[in-house]
């Protein structure tokens, strides 16, 4: 029996029964209180959500810990933050591909998340950041489609529209980057719960 201390929850991790999905990210994941989606939406006792925080684009150490975990891991969500942009896209893309390959080699489902964009005002104040985020998100969607990977599309959930991909002002903190509680409650919870249900349902079949 393992104790998930942060959740204060005991489970007996039997393969095929308990589905453990972990989000590897930074500020958005931390403020979201991601593990407690299970309780907030009554997702069932057979689903356990975890969160591992790393304030850096390079999530290798956290991913390796999950790959070596002494309990079955069903899926890993890789999520990057706008703080790490602008950046060179090619090395970033290759790193994502390597992570996906490593996760798959352990029989775990890789799940890619798009990056939450910034507001118009933050875009003006940080030249290059917004366009770099969009280019990375386009890569995430294209690569996921080719590899048949699930996508947690955070950008689409909180952006103004498909044609204006800036973060909605009502969802943004004063810095134009981080999210307020309304964004999690109205936008992100919904798409995350839908994704979790789809993935766990597929894993059960």
N, C-alpha and C. Protein backbone atom coordinates (compact mmCIF):
# COMPACT_ATOMS: atom_id res chain seq x y z
N UNK A 1 0.84 -1.18 0.00
CA UNK A 1 0.00 0.00 0.00
C UNK A 1 0.88 1.24 0.00
N UNK A 2 0.56 2.18 -0.88
CA UNK A 2 1.35 3.40 -0.99
C UNK A 2 0.55 4.58 -0.46
N UNK A 3 1.23 5.53 0.13
CA UNK A 3 0.59 6.73 0.64
C UNK A 3 0.98 7.91 -0.23
N UNK A 4 0.00 8.50 -0.92
CA UNK A 4 0.24 9.71 -1.69
C UNK A 4 0.11 10.87 -0.71
N UNK A 5 1.23 11.28 -0.13
CA UNK A 5 1.20 12.19 1.01
C UNK A 5 0.51 13.51 0.72
N UNK A 6 0.77 14.11 -0.44
CA UNK A 6 0.18 15.40 -0.73
C UNK A 6 -1.33 15.30 -0.85
N UNK A 7 -1.81 14.14 -1.26
CA UNK A 7 -3.24 13.94 -1.38
C UNK A 7 -3.85 13.41 -0.09
N UNK A 8 -3.00 12.90 0.79
CA UNK A 8 -3.46 12.24 2.01
C UNK A 8 -4.46 11.16 1.65
N UNK A 9 -4.04 10.33 0.70
CA UNK A 9 -4.95 9.31 0.19
C UNK A 9 -4.19 8.00 0.03
N UNK A 10 -4.79 6.92 0.52
CA UNK A 10 -4.18 5.61 0.39
C UNK A 10 -4.88 4.83 -0.70
N UNK A 11 -4.08 4.20 -1.56
CA UNK A 11 -4.63 3.35 -2.61
C UNK A 11 -3.78 2.11 -2.71
N UNK A 12 -4.38 1.05 -3.20
CA UNK A 12 -3.64 -0.17 -3.51
C UNK A 12 -3.49 -0.19 -5.03
N UNK A 13 -2.29 0.13 -5.53
CA UNK A 13 -2.11 0.32 -6.97
C UNK A 13 -2.01 -0.99 -7.75
N UNK A 14 -3.14 -1.58 -8.06
CA UNK A 14 -3.17 -2.82 -8.82
C UNK A 14 -3.27 -2.48 -10.31
N UNK A 15 -2.39 -3.04 -11.13
CA UNK A 15 -2.44 -2.76 -12.56
C UNK A 15 -3.82 -3.06 -13.13
N UNK A 16 -4.32 -2.13 -13.95
CA UNK A 16 -5.62 -2.33 -14.57
C UNK A 16 -6.78 -1.81 -13.75
N UNK A 17 -6.53 -1.45 -12.49
CA UNK A 17 -7.61 -0.96 -11.64
C UNK A 17 -7.44 0.53 -11.32
N UNK A 18 -6.40 0.88 -10.56
CA UNK A 18 -6.14 2.28 -10.27
C UNK A 18 -5.46 2.94 -11.46
N UNK A 19 -5.98 4.07 -11.90
CA UNK A 19 -5.39 4.85 -12.99
C UNK A 19 -4.73 6.08 -12.39
N UNK A 20 -3.41 6.15 -12.46
CA UNK A 20 -2.68 7.28 -11.92
C UNK A 20 -2.16 8.13 -13.08
N UNK A 21 -2.63 9.38 -13.13
CA UNK A 21 -2.18 10.32 -14.15
C UNK A 21 -1.49 11.49 -13.46
N UNK A 22 -0.34 11.89 -13.97
CA UNK A 22 0.43 12.96 -13.35
C UNK A 22 0.61 14.12 -14.31
N UNK A 23 0.46 15.33 -13.79
CA UNK A 23 0.74 16.55 -14.54
C UNK A 23 2.11 17.05 -14.12
N UNK A 24 3.00 17.22 -15.10
CA UNK A 24 4.32 17.77 -14.83
C UNK A 24 4.34 19.18 -15.41
N UNK A 25 4.43 20.18 -14.53
CA UNK A 25 4.37 21.56 -14.98
C UNK A 25 4.95 22.51 -13.96
N UNK A 26 4.43 23.74 -13.97
CA UNK A 26 4.94 24.74 -13.03
C UNK A 26 3.77 25.52 -12.44
N UNK A 27 3.73 26.85 -12.65
CA UNK A 27 2.77 27.70 -11.94
C UNK A 27 1.31 27.37 -12.22
N UNK A 28 0.96 27.11 -13.48
CA UNK A 28 -0.43 26.82 -13.80
C UNK A 28 -0.90 25.55 -13.10
N UNK A 29 -0.08 24.52 -13.12
CA UNK A 29 -0.45 23.28 -12.46
C UNK A 29 -0.56 23.44 -10.96
N UNK A 30 0.34 24.23 -10.38
CA UNK A 30 0.33 24.42 -8.94
C UNK A 30 -0.90 25.19 -8.49
N UNK A 31 -1.22 26.30 -9.15
CA UNK A 31 -2.38 27.10 -8.78
C UNK A 31 -3.69 26.38 -9.07
N UNK A 32 -3.67 25.47 -10.01
CA UNK A 32 -4.85 24.74 -10.43
C UNK A 32 -5.33 23.78 -9.35
N UNK A 33 -4.43 23.30 -8.52
CA UNK A 33 -4.77 22.25 -7.55
C UNK A 33 -5.27 21.02 -8.31
N UNK A 34 -4.50 20.64 -9.29
CA UNK A 34 -4.86 19.59 -10.24
C UNK A 34 -5.26 18.26 -9.58
N UNK A 35 -4.51 17.77 -8.58
CA UNK A 35 -4.87 16.46 -8.01
C UNK A 35 -6.28 16.39 -7.46
N UNK A 36 -6.83 17.52 -7.02
CA UNK A 36 -8.15 17.49 -6.39
C UNK A 36 -9.30 17.61 -7.38
N UNK A 37 -8.99 17.56 -8.69
CA UNK A 37 -10.07 17.46 -9.68
C UNK A 37 -10.91 16.22 -9.44
N UNK A 38 -10.27 15.17 -8.95
CA UNK A 38 -10.99 13.91 -8.68
C UNK A 38 -12.12 14.15 -7.70
N UNK A 39 -11.83 14.86 -6.63
CA UNK A 39 -12.85 15.11 -5.61
C UNK A 39 -13.85 16.16 -6.06
N UNK A 40 -13.36 17.20 -6.75
CA UNK A 40 -14.26 18.28 -7.16
C UNK A 40 -15.31 17.81 -8.16
N UNK A 41 -14.96 16.80 -8.96
CA UNK A 41 -15.88 16.35 -10.00
C UNK A 41 -16.26 14.88 -9.87
N UNK A 42 -16.01 14.30 -8.71
CA UNK A 42 -16.43 12.91 -8.43
C UNK A 42 -16.03 11.95 -9.55
N UNK A 43 -14.75 11.96 -9.87
CA UNK A 43 -14.27 11.14 -10.98
C UNK A 43 -14.14 9.66 -10.61
N UNK A 44 -14.25 9.35 -9.33
CA UNK A 44 -14.21 7.95 -8.94
C UNK A 44 -12.96 7.57 -8.17
N UNK A 45 -13.06 6.54 -7.35
CA UNK A 45 -11.94 6.13 -6.51
C UNK A 45 -10.84 5.43 -7.30
N UNK A 46 -11.13 5.05 -8.54
CA UNK A 46 -10.12 4.34 -9.33
C UNK A 46 -9.20 5.30 -10.09
N UNK A 47 -9.41 6.61 -9.95
CA UNK A 47 -8.56 7.60 -10.61
C UNK A 47 -7.81 8.41 -9.56
N UNK A 48 -6.49 8.45 -9.69
CA UNK A 48 -5.64 9.25 -8.81
C UNK A 48 -4.84 10.20 -9.69
N UNK A 49 -4.87 11.50 -9.36
CA UNK A 49 -4.13 12.50 -10.12
C UNK A 49 -2.97 13.02 -9.29
N UNK A 50 -1.84 13.20 -9.94
CA UNK A 50 -0.66 13.71 -9.26
C UNK A 50 -0.15 14.96 -9.95
N UNK A 51 0.71 15.67 -9.24
CA UNK A 51 1.31 16.88 -9.81
C UNK A 51 2.76 16.99 -9.37
N UNK A 52 3.63 17.24 -10.34
CA UNK A 52 5.05 17.44 -10.05
C UNK A 52 5.47 18.78 -10.63
N UNK A 53 6.06 19.61 -9.78
CA UNK A 53 6.37 20.98 -10.15
C UNK A 53 7.85 21.15 -10.49
N UNK A 54 8.10 21.83 -11.61
CA UNK A 54 9.46 22.16 -12.00
C UNK A 54 9.44 23.51 -12.71
N UNK A 55 10.11 24.52 -12.11
CA UNK A 55 10.14 25.85 -12.70
C UNK A 55 11.31 25.94 -13.68
N UNK A 56 11.18 25.20 -14.77
CA UNK A 56 12.18 25.17 -15.83
C UNK A 56 11.56 24.45 -17.00
N UNK A 57 11.97 24.80 -18.23
CA UNK A 57 11.44 24.08 -19.39
C UNK A 57 11.82 22.60 -19.33
N UNK A 58 13.02 22.33 -18.85
CA UNK A 58 13.52 20.96 -18.81
C UNK A 58 12.86 20.18 -17.67
N UNK A 59 11.96 19.28 -18.04
CA UNK A 59 11.23 18.48 -17.05
C UNK A 59 11.80 17.06 -16.94
N UNK A 60 13.01 16.85 -17.43
CA UNK A 60 13.58 15.50 -17.51
C UNK A 60 13.63 14.80 -16.17
N UNK A 61 14.09 15.49 -15.12
CA UNK A 61 14.24 14.86 -13.82
C UNK A 61 12.90 14.39 -13.27
N UNK A 62 11.87 15.22 -13.40
CA UNK A 62 10.55 14.87 -12.89
C UNK A 62 9.96 13.70 -13.69
N UNK A 63 10.16 13.72 -15.00
CA UNK A 63 9.67 12.63 -15.84
C UNK A 63 10.37 11.32 -15.50
N UNK A 64 11.68 11.37 -15.31
CA UNK A 64 12.42 10.15 -14.97
C UNK A 64 11.97 9.57 -13.64
N UNK A 65 11.64 10.45 -12.68
CA UNK A 65 11.13 9.97 -11.39
C UNK A 65 9.83 9.21 -11.58
N UNK A 66 8.95 9.72 -12.42
CA UNK A 66 7.68 9.04 -12.68
C UNK A 66 7.89 7.73 -13.42
N UNK A 67 8.85 7.70 -14.34
CA UNK A 67 9.11 6.47 -15.09
C UNK A 67 9.66 5.37 -14.18
N UNK A 68 10.30 5.77 -13.09
CA UNK A 68 10.88 4.80 -12.16
C UNK A 68 10.00 4.58 -10.93
N UNK A 69 8.80 5.13 -10.95
CA UNK A 69 7.93 5.05 -9.78
C UNK A 69 7.61 3.60 -9.42
N UNK A 70 7.54 3.28 -8.13
CA UNK A 70 7.26 1.90 -7.69
C UNK A 70 5.78 1.55 -7.72
N UNK A 71 5.03 2.25 -8.56
CA UNK A 71 3.60 1.97 -8.71
C UNK A 71 3.24 2.25 -10.17
N UNK A 72 2.15 1.67 -10.67
CA UNK A 72 1.78 1.85 -12.08
C UNK A 72 1.36 3.28 -12.40
N UNK A 73 1.99 3.87 -13.39
CA UNK A 73 1.61 5.19 -13.89
C UNK A 73 0.91 5.00 -15.24
N UNK A 74 -0.28 5.54 -15.36
CA UNK A 74 -1.06 5.34 -16.59
C UNK A 74 -0.77 6.41 -17.64
N UNK A 75 -0.63 7.66 -17.19
CA UNK A 75 -0.42 8.73 -18.14
C UNK A 75 0.34 9.89 -17.53
N UNK A 76 1.10 10.60 -18.37
CA UNK A 76 1.87 11.76 -17.92
C UNK A 76 1.56 12.94 -18.84
N UNK A 77 1.10 14.05 -18.25
CA UNK A 77 0.83 15.27 -19.00
C UNK A 77 2.05 16.17 -18.91
N UNK A 78 2.60 16.54 -20.05
CA UNK A 78 3.75 17.45 -20.10
C UNK A 78 3.25 18.84 -20.42
N UNK A 79 3.47 19.77 -19.48
CA UNK A 79 2.97 21.13 -19.66
C UNK A 79 4.07 22.16 -19.43
N UNK A 80 4.25 23.04 -20.40
CA UNK A 80 5.23 24.11 -20.29
C UNK A 80 4.52 25.44 -20.05
N UNK A 81 5.26 26.42 -19.51
CA UNK A 81 4.70 27.73 -19.17
C UNK A 81 5.25 28.83 -20.07
N UNK A 82 4.49 29.91 -20.17
CA UNK A 82 4.89 31.03 -21.02
C UNK A 82 6.16 31.70 -20.54
N UNK A 83 6.52 31.49 -19.27
CA UNK A 83 7.73 32.10 -18.70
C UNK A 83 8.99 31.66 -19.45
N UNK A 84 8.94 30.50 -20.11
CA UNK A 84 10.13 29.96 -20.78
C UNK A 84 10.21 30.34 -22.25
N UNK A 85 9.40 31.31 -22.64
CA UNK A 85 9.38 31.78 -24.02
C UNK A 85 9.66 33.28 -24.05
N UNK A 86 10.28 33.76 -25.18
CA UNK A 86 10.64 33.07 -26.42
C UNK A 86 11.84 32.14 -26.24
N UNK A 87 11.92 31.17 -27.12
CA UNK A 87 13.00 30.21 -27.07
C UNK A 87 13.22 29.61 -28.46
N UNK A 88 14.34 28.95 -28.64
CA UNK A 88 14.60 28.25 -29.91
C UNK A 88 13.67 27.06 -30.00
N UNK A 89 12.93 26.99 -31.07
CA UNK A 89 11.89 25.96 -31.16
C UNK A 89 12.43 24.58 -31.51
N UNK A 90 13.40 24.50 -32.40
CA UNK A 90 13.87 23.19 -32.85
C UNK A 90 14.39 22.33 -31.70
N UNK A 91 15.30 22.84 -30.85
CA UNK A 91 15.75 22.02 -29.71
C UNK A 91 14.61 21.67 -28.76
N UNK A 92 13.67 22.58 -28.61
CA UNK A 92 12.52 22.34 -27.73
C UNK A 92 11.64 21.22 -28.29
N UNK A 93 11.43 21.26 -29.59
CA UNK A 93 10.65 20.21 -30.23
C UNK A 93 11.31 18.85 -30.10
N UNK A 94 12.63 18.81 -30.29
CA UNK A 94 13.35 17.54 -30.18
C UNK A 94 13.29 16.99 -28.76
N UNK A 95 13.30 17.89 -27.78
CA UNK A 95 13.21 17.45 -26.39
C UNK A 95 11.85 16.84 -26.11
N UNK A 96 10.79 17.46 -26.61
CA UNK A 96 9.44 16.92 -26.45
C UNK A 96 9.36 15.53 -27.07
N UNK A 97 9.90 15.38 -28.26
CA UNK A 97 9.86 14.09 -28.94
C UNK A 97 10.61 13.02 -28.15
N UNK A 98 11.75 13.39 -27.57
CA UNK A 98 12.53 12.44 -26.77
C UNK A 98 11.75 12.03 -25.52
N UNK A 99 11.09 12.99 -24.90
CA UNK A 99 10.29 12.67 -23.71
C UNK A 99 9.16 11.72 -24.05
N UNK A 100 8.48 11.99 -25.15
CA UNK A 100 7.37 11.13 -25.59
C UNK A 100 7.87 9.71 -25.83
N UNK A 101 8.99 9.60 -26.51
CA UNK A 101 9.56 8.28 -26.79
C UNK A 101 9.88 7.54 -25.49
N UNK A 102 10.48 8.24 -24.53
CA UNK A 102 10.83 7.62 -23.26
C UNK A 102 9.61 7.18 -22.48
N UNK A 103 8.59 8.01 -22.45
CA UNK A 103 7.35 7.67 -21.73
C UNK A 103 6.69 6.46 -22.36
N UNK A 104 6.60 6.47 -23.68
CA UNK A 104 5.98 5.33 -24.38
C UNK A 104 6.73 4.03 -24.15
N UNK A 105 8.05 4.12 -24.06
CA UNK A 105 8.86 2.91 -23.89
C UNK A 105 8.57 2.22 -22.56
N UNK A 106 7.95 2.94 -21.63
CA UNK A 106 7.59 2.37 -20.33
C UNK A 106 6.11 1.97 -20.28
N UNK A 107 5.46 1.98 -21.44
CA UNK A 107 4.05 1.57 -21.49
C UNK A 107 3.10 2.59 -20.89
N UNK A 108 3.53 3.86 -20.83
CA UNK A 108 2.73 4.93 -20.25
C UNK A 108 2.24 5.84 -21.37
N UNK A 109 1.03 6.38 -21.23
CA UNK A 109 0.48 7.28 -22.24
C UNK A 109 1.02 8.69 -22.09
N UNK A 110 1.72 9.23 -23.10
CA UNK A 110 2.15 10.63 -23.05
C UNK A 110 0.98 11.53 -23.45
N UNK A 111 0.82 12.64 -22.73
CA UNK A 111 -0.23 13.61 -23.01
C UNK A 111 0.44 14.98 -23.11
N UNK A 112 0.24 15.67 -24.20
CA UNK A 112 0.88 16.96 -24.40
C UNK A 112 -0.10 18.10 -24.14
N UNK A 113 0.36 19.14 -23.48
CA UNK A 113 -0.46 20.32 -23.22
C UNK A 113 0.08 21.50 -24.00
N UNK A 114 -0.81 22.33 -24.51
CA UNK A 114 -0.38 23.57 -25.13
C UNK A 114 -0.07 24.59 -24.02
N UNK A 115 0.68 25.61 -24.37
CA UNK A 115 1.08 26.64 -23.42
C UNK A 115 0.00 27.72 -23.33
N UNK A 116 -0.32 28.12 -22.11
CA UNK A 116 -1.26 29.24 -21.93
C UNK A 116 -0.63 30.50 -22.52
N UNK A 117 -1.33 31.20 -23.42
CA UNK A 117 -0.75 32.40 -24.05
C UNK A 117 -0.73 33.59 -23.09
N UNK A 118 -0.32 34.74 -23.58
CA UNK A 118 -0.31 35.97 -22.78
C UNK A 118 -1.33 36.94 -23.35
N UNK A 119 -1.64 37.96 -22.57
CA UNK A 119 -2.59 38.98 -23.01
C UNK A 119 -1.96 39.90 -24.06
N UNK A 120 -2.78 40.72 -24.67
CA UNK A 120 -2.27 41.68 -25.65
C UNK A 120 -1.25 42.62 -25.02
N UNK A 121 -1.56 43.09 -23.82
CA UNK A 121 -0.65 44.02 -23.15
C UNK A 121 0.68 43.37 -22.83
N UNK A 122 0.64 42.12 -22.37
CA UNK A 122 1.89 41.42 -22.08
C UNK A 122 2.66 41.15 -23.36
N UNK A 123 1.94 40.89 -24.43
CA UNK A 123 2.55 40.68 -25.74
C UNK A 123 3.36 41.93 -26.15
N UNK A 124 2.76 43.11 -25.95
CA UNK A 124 3.45 44.35 -26.29
C UNK A 124 4.68 44.58 -25.42
N UNK A 125 4.58 44.17 -24.15
CA UNK A 125 5.66 44.41 -23.21
C UNK A 125 6.80 43.40 -23.33
N UNK A 126 6.50 42.25 -23.94
CA UNK A 126 7.51 41.18 -24.05
C UNK A 126 7.61 40.74 -25.51
N UNK A 127 8.28 41.50 -26.35
CA UNK A 127 8.37 41.19 -27.78
C UNK A 127 8.90 39.78 -28.04
N UNK A 128 8.20 39.07 -28.91
CA UNK A 128 8.64 37.74 -29.31
C UNK A 128 8.03 36.62 -28.49
N UNK A 129 7.58 36.89 -27.30
CA UNK A 129 7.06 35.83 -26.42
C UNK A 129 5.81 35.18 -27.00
N UNK A 130 4.82 36.01 -27.35
CA UNK A 130 3.54 35.49 -27.83
C UNK A 130 3.69 34.66 -29.09
N UNK A 131 4.43 35.17 -30.08
CA UNK A 131 4.60 34.44 -31.34
C UNK A 131 5.36 33.14 -31.12
N UNK A 132 6.31 33.14 -30.21
CA UNK A 132 7.06 31.92 -29.91
C UNK A 132 6.15 30.87 -29.28
N UNK A 133 5.25 31.32 -28.39
CA UNK A 133 4.29 30.41 -27.77
C UNK A 133 3.38 29.80 -28.83
N UNK A 134 2.89 30.64 -29.75
CA UNK A 134 1.98 30.13 -30.79
C UNK A 134 2.67 29.10 -31.67
N UNK A 135 3.92 29.37 -32.04
CA UNK A 135 4.67 28.43 -32.88
C UNK A 135 4.85 27.10 -32.15
N UNK A 136 5.16 27.17 -30.86
CA UNK A 136 5.32 25.94 -30.07
C UNK A 136 3.99 25.19 -29.97
N UNK A 137 2.91 25.91 -29.73
CA UNK A 137 1.60 25.26 -29.62
C UNK A 137 1.18 24.62 -30.93
N UNK A 138 1.49 25.26 -32.05
CA UNK A 138 1.18 24.67 -33.36
C UNK A 138 1.95 23.36 -33.54
N UNK A 139 3.21 23.37 -33.10
CA UNK A 139 4.00 22.14 -33.16
C UNK A 139 3.37 21.05 -32.28
N UNK A 140 2.96 21.40 -31.08
CA UNK A 140 2.36 20.43 -30.16
C UNK A 140 1.15 19.77 -30.81
N UNK A 141 0.28 20.57 -31.40
CA UNK A 141 -0.93 20.00 -32.01
C UNK A 141 -0.59 19.13 -33.22
N UNK A 142 0.31 19.60 -34.07
CA UNK A 142 0.68 18.84 -35.28
C UNK A 142 1.37 17.53 -34.91
N UNK A 143 2.31 17.61 -33.98
CA UNK A 143 3.05 16.42 -33.57
C UNK A 143 2.13 15.41 -32.88
N UNK A 144 1.25 15.91 -32.03
CA UNK A 144 0.31 15.02 -31.34
C UNK A 144 -0.61 14.32 -32.33
N UNK A 145 -1.05 15.04 -33.34
CA UNK A 145 -1.92 14.45 -34.36
C UNK A 145 -1.20 13.32 -35.11
N UNK A 146 0.07 13.57 -35.47
CA UNK A 146 0.84 12.56 -36.19
C UNK A 146 1.11 11.33 -35.33
N UNK A 147 1.33 11.55 -34.04
CA UNK A 147 1.67 10.46 -33.14
C UNK A 147 0.45 9.89 -32.40
N UNK A 148 -0.73 10.41 -32.71
CA UNK A 148 -1.97 9.95 -32.07
C UNK A 148 -1.90 10.10 -30.55
N UNK A 149 -1.49 11.29 -30.12
CA UNK A 149 -1.36 11.58 -28.70
C UNK A 149 -2.51 12.47 -28.23
N UNK A 150 -2.99 12.26 -27.01
CA UNK A 150 -4.00 13.17 -26.46
C UNK A 150 -3.37 14.54 -26.22
N UNK A 151 -4.21 15.58 -26.35
CA UNK A 151 -3.74 16.96 -26.13
C UNK A 151 -4.66 17.65 -25.13
N UNK A 152 -4.05 18.28 -24.13
CA UNK A 152 -4.78 19.14 -23.22
C UNK A 152 -4.58 20.56 -23.75
N UNK A 153 -5.56 21.05 -24.48
CA UNK A 153 -5.39 22.31 -25.21
C UNK A 153 -5.75 23.51 -24.34
N UNK A 154 -4.81 23.91 -23.50
CA UNK A 154 -5.01 25.03 -22.59
C UNK A 154 -5.17 26.34 -23.34
N UNK A 155 -4.38 26.50 -24.40
CA UNK A 155 -4.47 27.75 -25.16
C UNK A 155 -5.87 27.98 -25.69
N UNK A 156 -6.43 26.99 -26.32
CA UNK A 156 -7.75 27.14 -26.92
C UNK A 156 -8.82 27.43 -25.87
N UNK A 157 -8.63 26.89 -24.67
CA UNK A 157 -9.62 27.07 -23.61
C UNK A 157 -9.65 28.49 -23.05
N UNK A 158 -8.51 29.17 -23.06
CA UNK A 158 -8.44 30.49 -22.40
C UNK A 158 -8.17 31.65 -23.36
N UNK A 159 -8.03 31.37 -24.64
CA UNK A 159 -7.76 32.45 -25.60
C UNK A 159 -9.04 33.16 -26.02
N UNK A 160 -8.89 34.33 -26.60
CA UNK A 160 -10.04 35.13 -27.00
C UNK A 160 -10.85 34.41 -28.07
N UNK A 161 -10.18 33.90 -29.09
CA UNK A 161 -10.85 33.18 -30.17
C UNK A 161 -9.81 32.40 -30.96
N UNK A 162 -10.26 31.66 -31.96
CA UNK A 162 -9.32 30.91 -32.81
C UNK A 162 -8.47 31.85 -33.66
N UNK A 163 -8.98 33.04 -33.93
CA UNK A 163 -8.24 34.00 -34.75
C UNK A 163 -7.44 35.00 -33.91
N UNK A 164 -7.89 35.27 -32.69
CA UNK A 164 -7.14 36.11 -31.75
C UNK A 164 -6.75 35.22 -30.57
N UNK A 165 -5.52 34.75 -30.61
CA UNK A 165 -5.10 33.71 -29.68
C UNK A 165 -4.46 34.26 -28.39
N UNK A 166 -4.65 35.53 -28.13
CA UNK A 166 -4.18 36.11 -26.87
C UNK A 166 -5.03 35.58 -25.70
N UNK A 167 -4.44 35.59 -24.53
CA UNK A 167 -5.16 35.23 -23.31
C UNK A 167 -6.25 36.26 -23.02
N UNK A 168 -7.42 35.78 -22.65
CA UNK A 168 -8.52 36.68 -22.30
C UNK A 168 -8.15 37.49 -21.06
N UNK A 169 -8.48 38.77 -21.09
CA UNK A 169 -8.14 39.65 -19.98
C UNK A 169 -8.81 39.19 -18.68
N UNK A 170 -10.05 38.70 -18.76
CA UNK A 170 -10.76 38.31 -17.55
C UNK A 170 -10.19 37.05 -16.90
N UNK A 171 -9.35 36.34 -17.65
CA UNK A 171 -8.71 35.14 -17.11
C UNK A 171 -7.29 35.41 -16.60
N UNK A 172 -6.81 36.63 -16.78
CA UNK A 172 -5.40 36.91 -16.50
C UNK A 172 -5.20 37.70 -15.21
N UNK A 173 -4.11 37.38 -14.54
CA UNK A 173 -3.65 38.19 -13.43
C UNK A 173 -3.01 39.46 -14.01
N UNK A 174 -2.69 40.45 -13.17
CA UNK A 174 -2.12 41.71 -13.67
C UNK A 174 -0.87 41.55 -14.52
N UNK A 175 -0.12 40.46 -14.35
CA UNK A 175 1.10 40.28 -15.14
C UNK A 175 0.81 39.87 -16.58
N UNK A 176 -0.48 39.57 -16.89
CA UNK A 176 -0.85 39.20 -18.25
C UNK A 176 -0.42 37.81 -18.66
N UNK A 177 0.00 37.01 -17.70
CA UNK A 177 0.50 35.68 -17.99
C UNK A 177 -0.14 34.60 -17.11
N UNK A 178 -0.09 34.82 -15.81
CA UNK A 178 -0.68 33.85 -14.88
C UNK A 178 -2.20 33.97 -14.86
N UNK A 179 -2.85 32.92 -14.38
CA UNK A 179 -4.30 32.84 -14.44
C UNK A 179 -4.96 33.12 -13.10
N UNK A 180 -6.18 33.64 -13.17
CA UNK A 180 -7.00 33.83 -11.98
C UNK A 180 -7.88 32.60 -11.79
N UNK A 181 -8.50 32.49 -10.63
CA UNK A 181 -9.31 31.32 -10.30
C UNK A 181 -10.43 31.09 -11.31
N UNK A 182 -11.00 32.17 -11.83
CA UNK A 182 -12.08 32.06 -12.80
C UNK A 182 -11.67 31.25 -14.02
N UNK A 183 -10.43 31.39 -14.44
CA UNK A 183 -9.94 30.65 -15.61
C UNK A 183 -9.95 29.15 -15.36
N UNK A 184 -9.52 28.75 -14.17
CA UNK A 184 -9.53 27.33 -13.83
C UNK A 184 -10.96 26.81 -13.73
N UNK A 185 -11.81 27.57 -13.04
CA UNK A 185 -13.19 27.12 -12.81
C UNK A 185 -14.00 27.05 -14.09
N UNK A 186 -13.87 28.06 -14.95
CA UNK A 186 -14.71 28.14 -16.15
C UNK A 186 -14.15 27.40 -17.35
N UNK A 187 -12.83 27.38 -17.47
CA UNK A 187 -12.23 26.88 -18.71
C UNK A 187 -11.41 25.62 -18.55
N UNK A 188 -10.46 25.62 -17.64
CA UNK A 188 -9.51 24.51 -17.58
C UNK A 188 -10.07 23.25 -16.94
N UNK A 189 -10.86 23.40 -15.90
CA UNK A 189 -11.45 22.21 -15.26
C UNK A 189 -12.22 21.37 -16.28
N UNK A 190 -13.01 22.04 -17.09
CA UNK A 190 -13.87 21.34 -18.05
C UNK A 190 -13.07 20.48 -19.03
N UNK A 191 -12.03 21.06 -19.63
CA UNK A 191 -11.29 20.30 -20.63
C UNK A 191 -10.44 19.21 -19.98
N UNK A 192 -9.98 19.46 -18.75
CA UNK A 192 -9.18 18.45 -18.06
C UNK A 192 -10.03 17.24 -17.68
N UNK A 193 -11.20 17.50 -17.14
CA UNK A 193 -12.08 16.40 -16.75
C UNK A 193 -12.48 15.56 -17.97
N UNK A 194 -12.78 16.23 -19.07
CA UNK A 194 -13.14 15.52 -20.30
C UNK A 194 -11.98 14.65 -20.77
N UNK A 195 -10.78 15.20 -20.74
CA UNK A 195 -9.59 14.45 -21.16
C UNK A 195 -9.35 13.25 -20.25
N UNK A 196 -9.43 13.45 -18.96
CA UNK A 196 -9.20 12.37 -17.99
C UNK A 196 -10.20 11.25 -18.19
N UNK A 197 -11.45 11.60 -18.38
CA UNK A 197 -12.48 10.58 -18.60
C UNK A 197 -12.21 9.80 -19.89
N UNK A 198 -11.83 10.50 -20.94
CA UNK A 198 -11.55 9.83 -22.22
C UNK A 198 -10.37 8.88 -22.11
N UNK A 199 -9.30 9.33 -21.45
CA UNK A 199 -8.10 8.51 -21.34
C UNK A 199 -8.34 7.30 -20.46
N UNK A 200 -8.95 7.50 -19.31
CA UNK A 200 -9.18 6.36 -18.41
C UNK A 200 -10.17 5.37 -19.00
N UNK A 201 -11.13 5.88 -19.76
CA UNK A 201 -12.08 4.98 -20.43
C UNK A 201 -11.37 4.13 -21.47
N UNK A 202 -10.46 4.75 -22.21
CA UNK A 202 -9.70 4.01 -23.23
C UNK A 202 -8.78 2.98 -22.58
N UNK A 203 -8.17 3.35 -21.45
CA UNK A 203 -7.28 2.43 -20.76
C UNK A 203 -8.02 1.23 -20.19
N UNK A 204 -9.29 1.43 -19.90
CA UNK A 204 -10.10 0.33 -19.36
C UNK A 204 -10.53 -0.66 -20.41
N UNK A 205 -10.45 -0.27 -21.68
CA UNK A 205 -10.89 -1.14 -22.78
C UNK A 205 -9.74 -1.99 -23.34
